Amino acid sequence: MQTAVSTPPINLYDLDREALSMLLARWDYSDYHAAQIWDYLYQQQITNISAMTDLRPALGQQLLAAARIDPLTVQVAVDSSDGHTRKYLLQLGDGETIETVLMYFKGRATAC
């Protein structure tokens, strides 16, 4: 007897714009639909596929079945004593953590 092998859901944040378009093309959706999803992720900052309300219902169902959205979560944020930097410990969707630093300069900020 064979057992079914399940494919883990795709984290949409793992896909760049081209990879998202390619995924949707394999599912027979156009680049227009990729642009809709991209806008939800990066402009509207939607973190729940069910909240993508103007997608075709079939596409929404396919995303719910095959994809997920794992935003970063801030675990720790520490300001420097001079107030010019802030260090973050961020948790990824898989539980791993990364560090980043936001540096404030006159008229701009830089992330490292």
Protein backbone atom coordinates (compact mmCIF):
# COMPACT_ATOMS: atom_id res chain seq x y z
CA MET A 1 0.00 0.00 0.00
CA GLN A 2 1.35 3.42 -0.96
CA THR A 3 1.03 6.36 1.37
CA ALA A 4 0.31 9.80 0.01
CA VAL A 5 3.20 12.22 0.15
CA SER A 6 2.02 15.69 1.04
CA THR A 7 3.83 18.74 -0.22
CA PRO A 8 4.40 21.39 2.44
CA PRO A 9 2.59 24.66 1.75
CA ILE A 10 4.53 27.32 -0.14
CA ASN A 11 5.37 30.39 1.92
CA LEU A 12 4.38 33.21 -0.43
CA TYR A 13 7.06 35.43 1.14
CA ASP A 14 9.68 32.95 -0.13
CA LEU A 15 8.78 33.82 -3.74
CA ASP A 16 10.11 36.80 -5.65
CA ARG A 17 7.79 38.46 -8.18
CA GLU A 18 8.95 36.24 -11.05
CA ALA A 19 8.60 33.01 -9.06
CA LEU A 20 5.09 34.01 -8.00
CA SER A 21 4.16 34.63 -11.65
CA MET A 22 5.64 31.26 -12.63
CA LEU A 23 3.71 29.45 -9.90
CA LEU A 24 0.44 31.03 -10.98
CA ALA A 25 1.20 30.30 -14.65
CA ARG A 26 1.54 26.60 -13.72
CA TRP A 27 -1.91 26.90 -12.17
CA ASP A 28 -3.21 28.58 -15.39
CA TYR A 29 -3.54 32.08 -13.96
CA SER A 30 -2.19 35.22 -15.60
CA ASP A 31 0.40 37.71 -14.44
CA TYR A 32 -2.52 39.96 -13.49
CA HIS A 33 -3.34 37.54 -10.68
CA ALA A 34 0.28 37.47 -9.55
CA ALA A 35 0.18 41.28 -9.42
CA GLN A 36 -2.97 41.12 -7.27
CA ILE A 37 -1.31 38.78 -4.78
CA TRP A 38 1.93 40.80 -4.81
CA ASP A 39 -0.08 43.93 -3.99
CA TYR A 40 -1.82 42.16 -1.11
CA LEU A 41 1.51 40.99 0.31
CA TYR A 42 3.68 44.08 -0.12
CA GLN A 43 1.35 47.08 -0.45
CA GLN A 44 -1.61 46.12 1.71
CA GLN A 45 0.50 43.86 3.96
CA ILE A 46 -2.24 41.22 4.13
CA THR A 47 -1.11 38.20 6.16
CA ASN A 48 -4.20 36.02 5.70
CA ILE A 49 -5.05 34.47 2.33
CA SER A 50 -8.76 34.58 3.22
CA ALA A 51 -8.52 38.39 3.34
CA MET A 52 -7.57 38.52 -0.37
CA THR A 53 -11.21 39.07 -1.20
CA ASP A 54 -11.06 40.16 -4.85
CA LEU A 55 -9.20 37.08 -6.11
CA ARG A 56 -11.12 34.58 -8.18
CA PRO A 57 -12.73 32.15 -5.72
CA ALA A 58 -10.96 29.17 -7.31
CA LEU A 59 -7.58 30.89 -6.96
CA GLY A 60 -8.30 31.75 -3.34
CA GLN A 61 -9.15 28.12 -2.64
CA GLN A 62 -6.02 26.91 -4.41
CA LEU A 63 -3.88 29.31 -2.37
CA LEU A 64 -5.52 28.18 0.86
CA ALA A 65 -4.75 24.57 -0.03
CA ALA A 66 -1.18 25.03 -1.29
CA ALA A 67 0.27 28.20 0.23
CA ARG A 68 0.76 30.07 3.45
CA ILE A 69 1.91 33.53 4.54
CA ASP A 70 4.53 33.56 7.28
CA PRO A 71 5.36 37.15 8.20
CA LEU A 72 8.36 37.96 10.36
CA THR A 73 7.58 38.56 14.01
CA VAL A 74 9.64 40.83 16.24
CA GLN A 75 10.89 38.86 19.24
CA VAL A 76 13.12 41.57 20.72
CA ALA A 77 13.79 45.22 19.84
CA VAL A 78 16.60 47.11 21.58
CA ASP A 79 17.49 50.79 21.11
CA SER A 80 21.07 51.96 21.42
CA SER A 81 21.90 54.46 24.15
CA ASP A 82 22.44 57.23 21.58
CA GLY A 83 19.12 56.52 19.85
CA HIS A 84 20.72 56.16 16.41
CA THR A 85 20.26 52.42 16.03
CA ARG A 86 17.70 49.79 16.86
CA LYS A 87 18.52 46.08 16.86
CA TYR A 88 15.80 43.53 16.12
CA LEU A 89 15.61 39.80 16.67
CA LEU A 90 13.08 38.51 14.12
CA GLN A 91 11.47 35.09 14.04
CA LEU A 92 10.85 33.44 10.69
CA GLY A 93 7.84 31.27 9.93
CA ASP A 94 9.92 28.12 10.43
CA GLY A 95 10.89 29.20 13.95
CA GLU A 96 14.46 30.21 13.09
CA THR A 97 15.60 33.70 14.07
CA ILE A 98 17.64 36.40 12.36
CA GLU A 99 19.03 39.72 13.57
CA THR A 100 18.88 43.04 11.82
CA VAL A 101 19.84 46.58 12.72
CA LEU A 102 18.07 49.78 11.69
CA MET A 103 20.44 52.75 11.64
CA TYR A 104 19.07 56.29 11.66
CA PHE A 105 20.92 59.07 9.86
CA LYS A 106 19.95 62.62 9.08
CA GLY A 107 17.10 62.40 6.57
CA ARG A 108 17.24 58.62 6.08
CA ALA A 109 17.41 55.21 7.69
CA THR A 110 19.40 52.14 6.63
CA ALA A 111 18.78 48.49 7.48
CA CYS A 112 21.61 46.05 7.83
